[in-house]
Amino acid sequence: MVVVLLVGVLVLVVGGCVCVVWAQRGGPRWVRVVAHLTLGAGELLRASEKRGRRRGLNGSGGD
């Protein structure tokens, strides 16, 4: 079950990357929409990673 979920996520990621490249070359409108959503999701992940790192540096972690 977990393998099926991971394969599904991998297919979505690869498909999003293909749409980003295709949109750069002037693909159809739906490709540009998917590319925009993919890039937006990447920005959200990057922002959440920065927030998590910032909390880890300011927190009182007891290593």
PDB file of N, CA and C in Angstrom:
ATOM      1  N   MET A   1       0.827  -1.201   0.000  1.00  0.00           N
ATOM      2  CA  MET A   1       0.000   0.000   0.000  1.00  0.00           C
ATOM      3  C   MET A   1       0.861   1.251   0.000  1.00  0.00           C
ATOM      4  N   VAL A   2       1.891   1.262   0.822  1.00  0.00           N
ATOM      5  CA  VAL A   2       2.778   2.419   0.902  1.00  0.00           C
ATOM      6  C   VAL A   2       3.519   2.609  -0.418  1.00  0.00           C
ATOM      7  N   VAL A   3       3.895   1.508  -1.049  1.00  0.00           N
ATOM      8  CA  VAL A   3       4.610   1.588  -2.326  1.00  0.00           C
ATOM      9  C   VAL A   3       3.719   2.228  -3.382  1.00  0.00           C
ATOM     10  N   VAL A   4       2.451   1.872  -3.405  1.00  0.00           N
ATOM     11  CA  VAL A   4       1.510   2.451  -4.373  1.00  0.00           C
ATOM     12  C   VAL A   4       1.386   3.957  -4.139  1.00  0.00           C
ATOM     13  N   LEU A   5       1.317   4.369  -2.895  1.00  0.00           N
ATOM     14  CA  LEU A   5       1.235   5.792  -2.562  1.00  0.00           C
ATOM     15  C   LEU A   5       2.490   6.537  -3.013  1.00  0.00           C
ATOM     16  N   LEU A   6       3.661   5.965  -2.757  1.00  0.00           N
ATOM     17  CA  LEU A   6       4.905   6.602  -3.163  1.00  0.00           C
ATOM     18  C   LEU A   6       5.041   6.686  -4.679  1.00  0.00           C
ATOM     19  N   VAL A   7       4.614   5.646  -5.372  1.00  0.00           N
ATOM     20  CA  VAL A   7       4.646   5.677  -6.839  1.00  0.00           C
ATOM     21  C   VAL A   7       3.694   6.754  -7.351  1.00  0.00           C
ATOM     22  N   GLY A   8       2.541   6.892  -6.741  1.00  0.00           N
ATOM     23  CA  GLY A   8       1.600   7.943  -7.138  1.00  0.00           C
ATOM     24  C   GLY A   8       2.175   9.338  -6.949  1.00  0.00           C
ATOM     25  N   VAL A   9       2.829   9.558  -5.827  1.00  0.00           N
ATOM     26  CA  VAL A   9       3.465  10.853  -5.573  1.00  0.00           C
ATOM     27  C   VAL A   9       4.573  11.095  -6.586  1.00  0.00           C
ATOM     28  N   LEU A  10       5.361  10.076  -6.883  1.00  0.00           N
ATOM     29  CA  LEU A  10       6.430  10.209  -7.861  1.00  0.00           C
ATOM     30  C   LEU A  10       5.881  10.560  -9.242  1.00  0.00           C
ATOM     31  N   VAL A  11       4.791   9.934  -9.637  1.00  0.00           N
ATOM     32  CA  VAL A  11       4.177  10.227 -10.931  1.00  0.00           C
ATOM     33  C   VAL A  11       3.692  11.678 -10.972  1.00  0.00           C
ATOM     34  N   LEU A  12       3.095  12.158  -9.886  1.00  0.00           N
ATOM     35  CA  LEU A  12       2.643  13.546  -9.838  1.00  0.00           C
ATOM     36  C   LEU A  12       3.808  14.527  -9.935  1.00  0.00           C
ATOM     37  N   VAL A  13       4.897  14.231  -9.246  1.00  0.00           N
ATOM     38  CA  VAL A  13       6.062  15.119  -9.267  1.00  0.00           C
ATOM     39  C   VAL A  13       6.680  15.159 -10.659  1.00  0.00           C
ATOM     40  N   VAL A  14       6.874  14.002 -11.258  1.00  0.00           N
ATOM     41  CA  VAL A  14       7.465  13.956 -12.605  1.00  0.00           C
ATOM     42  C   VAL A  14       6.538  14.639 -13.611  1.00  0.00           C
ATOM     43  N   GLY A  15       5.253  14.399 -13.499  1.00  0.00           N
ATOM     44  CA  GLY A  15       4.297  15.057 -14.385  1.00  0.00           C
ATOM     45  C   GLY A  15       4.317  16.568 -14.234  1.00  0.00           C
ATOM     46  N   GLY A  16       4.439  17.039 -13.008  1.00  0.00           N
ATOM     47  CA  GLY A  16       4.530  18.489 -12.775  1.00  0.00           C
ATOM     48  C   GLY A  16       5.783  19.076 -13.388  1.00  0.00           C
ATOM     49  N   CYS A  17       6.896  18.371 -13.256  1.00  0.00           N
ATOM     50  CA  CYS A  17       8.146  18.856 -13.848  1.00  0.00           C
ATOM     51  C   CYS A  17       8.064  18.894 -15.375  1.00  0.00           C
ATOM     52  N   VAL A  18       7.445  17.882 -15.948  1.00  0.00           N
ATOM     53  CA  VAL A  18       7.264  17.855 -17.408  1.00  0.00           C
ATOM     54  C   VAL A  18       6.398  19.036 -17.844  1.00  0.00           C
ATOM     55  N   CYS A  19       5.366  19.333 -17.085  1.00  0.00           N
ATOM     56  CA  CYS A  19       4.501  20.463 -17.433  1.00  0.00           C
ATOM     57  C   CYS A  19       5.231  21.793 -17.319  1.00  0.00           C
ATOM     58  N   VAL A  20       6.118  21.934 -16.338  1.00  0.00           N
ATOM     59  CA  VAL A  20       6.893  23.172 -16.209  1.00  0.00           C
ATOM     60  C   VAL A  20       7.768  23.372 -17.441  1.00  0.00           C
ATOM     61  N   VAL A  21       8.454  22.327 -17.870  1.00  0.00           N
ATOM     62  CA  VAL A  21       9.315  22.431 -19.050  1.00  0.00           C
ATOM     63  C   VAL A  21       8.473  22.703 -20.294  1.00  0.00           C
ATOM     64  N   TRP A  22       7.360  22.005 -20.428  1.00  0.00           N
ATOM     65  CA  TRP A  22       6.498  22.172 -21.593  1.00  0.00           C
ATOM     66  C   TRP A  22       5.911  23.592 -21.628  1.00  0.00           C
ATOM     67  N   ALA A  23       5.540  24.122 -20.464  1.00  0.00           N
ATOM     68  CA  ALA A  23       4.989  25.475 -20.406  1.00  0.00           C
ATOM     69  C   ALA A  23       6.039  26.512 -20.793  1.00  0.00           C
ATOM     70  N   GLN A  24       7.291  26.275 -20.442  1.00  0.00           N
ATOM     71  CA  GLN A  24       8.361  27.189 -20.845  1.00  0.00           C
ATOM     72  C   GLN A  24       8.482  27.264 -22.356  1.00  0.00           C
ATOM     73  N   ARG A  25       8.137  26.188 -23.022  1.00  0.00           N
ATOM     74  CA  ARG A  25       8.217  26.134 -24.488  1.00  0.00           C
ATOM     75  C   ARG A  25       6.902  26.516 -25.145  1.00  0.00           C
ATOM     76  N   GLY A  26       5.936  26.995 -24.364  1.00  0.00           N
ATOM     77  CA  GLY A  26       4.683  27.488 -24.937  1.00  0.00           C
ATOM     78  C   GLY A  26       3.623  26.427 -25.125  1.00  0.00           C
ATOM     79  N   GLY A  27       3.436  25.588 -24.138  1.00  0.00           N
ATOM     80  CA  GLY A  27       2.423  24.542 -24.230  1.00  0.00           C
ATOM     81  C   GLY A  27       1.012  25.104 -24.127  1.00  0.00           C
ATOM     82  N   PRO A  28       0.027  24.219 -24.177  1.00  0.00           N
ATOM     83  CA  PRO A  28      -1.375  24.658 -24.073  1.00  0.00           C
ATOM     84  C   PRO A  28      -1.691  25.253 -22.704  1.00  0.00           C
ATOM     85  N   ARG A  29      -2.858  25.830 -22.596  1.00  0.00           N
ATOM     86  CA  ARG A  29      -3.235  26.540 -21.370  1.00  0.00           C
ATOM     87  C   ARG A  29      -3.240  25.620 -20.148  1.00  0.00           C
ATOM     88  N   TRP A  30      -3.769  24.388 -20.286  1.00  0.00           N
ATOM     89  CA  TRP A  30      -3.843  23.505 -19.123  1.00  0.00           C
ATOM     90  C   TRP A  30      -2.456  23.137 -18.613  1.00  0.00           C
ATOM     91  N   VAL A  31      -1.473  23.083 -19.520  1.00  0.00           N
ATOM     92  CA  VAL A  31      -0.099  22.793 -19.102  1.00  0.00           C
ATOM     93  C   VAL A  31       0.459  23.974 -18.300  1.00  0.00           C
ATOM     94  N   ARG A  32       0.150  25.180 -18.731  1.00  0.00           N
ATOM     95  CA  ARG A  32       0.614  26.359 -17.993  1.00  0.00           C
ATOM     96  C   ARG A  32      -0.022  26.434 -16.613  1.00  0.00           C
ATOM     97  N   VAL A  33      -1.286  26.010 -16.512  1.00  0.00           N
ATOM     98  CA  VAL A  33      -1.963  25.997 -15.206  1.00  0.00           C
ATOM     99  C   VAL A  33      -1.301  24.977 -14.281  1.00  0.00           C
ATOM    100  N   VAL A  34      -1.038  23.774 -14.785  1.00  0.00           N
ATOM    101  CA  VAL A  34      -0.395  22.740 -13.969  1.00  0.00           C
ATOM    102  C   VAL A  34       1.018  23.177 -13.577  1.00  0.00           C
ATOM    103  N   ALA A  35       1.735  23.816 -14.499  1.00  0.00           N
ATOM    104  CA  ALA A  35       3.081  24.305 -14.190  1.00  0.00           C
ATOM    105  C   ALA A  35       3.034  25.371 -13.100  1.00  0.00           C
ATOM    106  N   HIS A  36       2.053  26.247 -13.185  1.00  0.00           N
ATOM    107  CA  HIS A  36       1.905  27.291 -12.167  1.00  0.00           C
ATOM    108  C   HIS A  36       1.613  26.673 -10.797  1.00  0.00           C
ATOM    109  N   LEU A  37       0.746  25.672 -10.766  1.00  0.00           N
ATOM    110  CA  LEU A  37       0.439  24.992  -9.503  1.00  0.00           C
ATOM    111  C   LEU A  37       1.664  24.254  -8.952  1.00  0.00           C
ATOM    112  N   THR A  38       2.437  23.643  -9.844  1.00  0.00           N
ATOM    113  CA  THR A  38       3.635  22.921  -9.416  1.00  0.00           C
ATOM    114  C   THR A  38       4.657  23.878  -8.812  1.00  0.00           C
ATOM    115  N   LEU A  39       4.875  25.000  -9.479  1.00  0.00           N
ATOM    116  CA  LEU A  39       5.834  25.981  -8.965  1.00  0.00           C
ATOM    117  C   LEU A  39       5.342  26.590  -7.647  1.00  0.00           C
ATOM    118  N   GLY A  40       4.040  26.809  -7.540  1.00  0.00           N
ATOM    119  CA  GLY A  40       3.479  27.323  -6.286  1.00  0.00           C
ATOM    120  C   GLY A  40       3.653  26.346  -5.136  1.00  0.00           C
ATOM    121  N   ALA A  41       3.450  25.062  -5.406  1.00  0.00           N
ATOM    122  CA  ALA A  41       3.642  24.043  -4.367  1.00  0.00           C
ATOM    123  C   ALA A  41       5.105  23.996  -3.938  1.00  0.00           C
ATOM    124  N   GLY A  42       6.006  24.147  -4.887  1.00  0.00           N
ATOM    125  CA  GLY A  42       7.432  24.181  -4.548  1.00  0.00           C
ATOM    126  C   GLY A  42       7.779  25.360  -3.673  1.00  0.00           C
ATOM    127  N   GLU A  43       7.200  26.508  -3.972  1.00  0.00           N
ATOM    128  CA  GLU A  43       7.443  27.693  -3.142  1.00  0.00           C
ATOM    129  C   GLU A  43       6.902  27.501  -1.724  1.00  0.00           C
ATOM    130  N   LEU A  44       5.724  26.892  -1.613  1.00  0.00           N
ATOM    131  CA  LEU A  44       5.165  26.632  -0.283  1.00  0.00           C
ATOM    132  C   LEU A  44       6.058  25.691   0.520  1.00  0.00           C
ATOM    133  N   LEU A  45       6.556  24.644  -0.129  1.00  0.00           N
ATOM    134  CA  LEU A  45       7.446  23.713   0.562  1.00  0.00           C
ATOM    135  C   LEU A  45       8.739  24.395   0.988  1.00  0.00           C
ATOM    136  N   ARG A  46       9.276  25.236   0.119  1.00  0.00           N
ATOM    137  CA  ARG A  46      10.510  25.944   0.446  1.00  0.00           C
ATOM    138  C   ARG A  46      10.298  26.902   1.617  1.00  0.00           C
ATOM    139  N   ALA A  47       9.163  27.603   1.635  1.00  0.00           N
ATOM    140  CA  ALA A  47       8.867  28.534   2.724  1.00  0.00           C
ATOM    141  C   ALA A  47       8.666  27.789   4.040  1.00  0.00           C
ATOM    142  N   SER A  48       7.988  26.645   3.996  1.00  0.00           N
ATOM    143  CA  SER A  48       7.772  25.900   5.238  1.00  0.00           C
ATOM    144  C   SER A  48       9.091  25.323   5.758  1.00  0.00           C
ATOM    145  N   GLU A  49       9.986  24.964   4.859  1.00  0.00           N
ATOM    146  CA  GLU A  49      11.297  24.464   5.277  1.00  0.00           C
ATOM    147  C   GLU A  49      12.107  25.564   5.956  1.00  0.00           C
ATOM    148  N   LYS A  50      12.028  26.778   5.416  1.00  0.00           N
ATOM    149  CA  LYS A  50      12.742  27.904   6.031  1.00  0.00           C
ATOM    150  C   LYS A  50      12.190  28.196   7.415  1.00  0.00           C
ATOM    151  N   ARG A  51      10.847  28.149   7.556  1.00  0.00           N
ATOM    152  CA  ARG A  51      10.249  28.395   8.873  1.00  0.00           C
ATOM    153  C   ARG A  51      10.676  27.323   9.865  1.00  0.00           C
ATOM    154  N   GLY A  52      10.720  26.081   9.417  1.00  0.00           N
ATOM    155  CA  GLY A  52      11.119  24.986  10.299  1.00  0.00           C
ATOM    156  C   GLY A  52      12.563  25.119  10.748  1.00  0.00           C
ATOM    157  N   ARG A  53      13.429  25.527   9.840  1.00  0.00           N
ATOM    158  CA  ARG A  53      14.839  25.726  10.198  1.00  0.00           C
ATOM    159  C   ARG A  53      14.985  26.882  11.177  1.00  0.00           C
ATOM    160  N   ARG A  54      14.202  27.934  10.954  1.00  0.00           N
ATOM    161  CA  ARG A  54      14.298  29.101  11.815  1.00  0.00           C
ATOM    162  C   ARG A  54      13.856  28.740  13.235  1.00  0.00           C
ATOM    163  N   ARG A  55      12.798  27.939  13.348  1.00  0.00           N
ATOM    164  CA  ARG A  55      12.337  27.504  14.664  1.00  0.00           C
ATOM    165  C   ARG A  55      13.378  26.636  15.347  1.00  0.00           C
ATOM    166  N   GLY A  56      14.027  25.774  14.589  1.00  0.00           N
ATOM    167  CA  GLY A  56      15.040  24.893  15.149  1.00  0.00           C
ATOM    168  C   GLY A  56      16.247  25.645  15.670  1.00  0.00           C
ATOM    169  N   LEU A  57      16.606  26.738  15.012  1.00  0.00           N
ATOM    170  CA  LEU A  57      17.747  27.527  15.474  1.00  0.00           C
ATOM    171  C   LEU A  57      17.418  28.331  16.707  1.00  0.00           C
ATOM    172  N   ASN A  58      16.175  28.854  16.789  1.00  0.00           N
ATOM    173  CA  ASN A  58      15.791  29.690  17.910  1.00  0.00           C
ATOM    174  C   ASN A  58      15.283  28.886  19.090  1.00  0.00           C
ATOM    175  N   GLY A  59      14.882  27.661  18.852  1.00  0.00           N
ATOM    176  CA  GLY A  59      14.337  26.826  19.931  1.00  0.00           C
ATOM    177  C   GLY A  59      15.439  26.347  20.870  1.00  0.00           C
ATOM    178  N   SER A  60      15.013  25.815  21.999  1.00  0.00           N
ATOM    179  CA  SER A  60      15.987  25.315  22.976  1.00  0.00           C
ATOM    180  C   SER A  60      16.081  23.807  22.863  1.00  0.00           C
ATOM    181  N   GLY A  61      16.641  23.356  21.752  1.00  0.00           N
ATOM    182  CA  GLY A  61      16.789  21.918  21.546  1.00  0.00           C
ATOM    183  C   GLY A  61      17.850  21.352  22.473  1.00  0.00           C
ATOM    184  N   GLY A  62      17.592  20.220  23.061  1.00  0.00           N
ATOM    185  CA  GLY A  62      18.527  19.658  24.023  1.00  0.00           C
ATOM    186  C   GLY A  62      19.324  18.503  23.459  1.00  0.00           C
ATOM    187  N   ASP A  63      20.196  18.777  22.485  1.00  0.00           N
ATOM    188  CA  ASP A  63      21.046  17.711  21.929  1.00  0.00           C
ATOM    189  C   ASP A  63      22.228  17.441  22.787  1.00  0.00           C
TER     190      ASP A  63
END
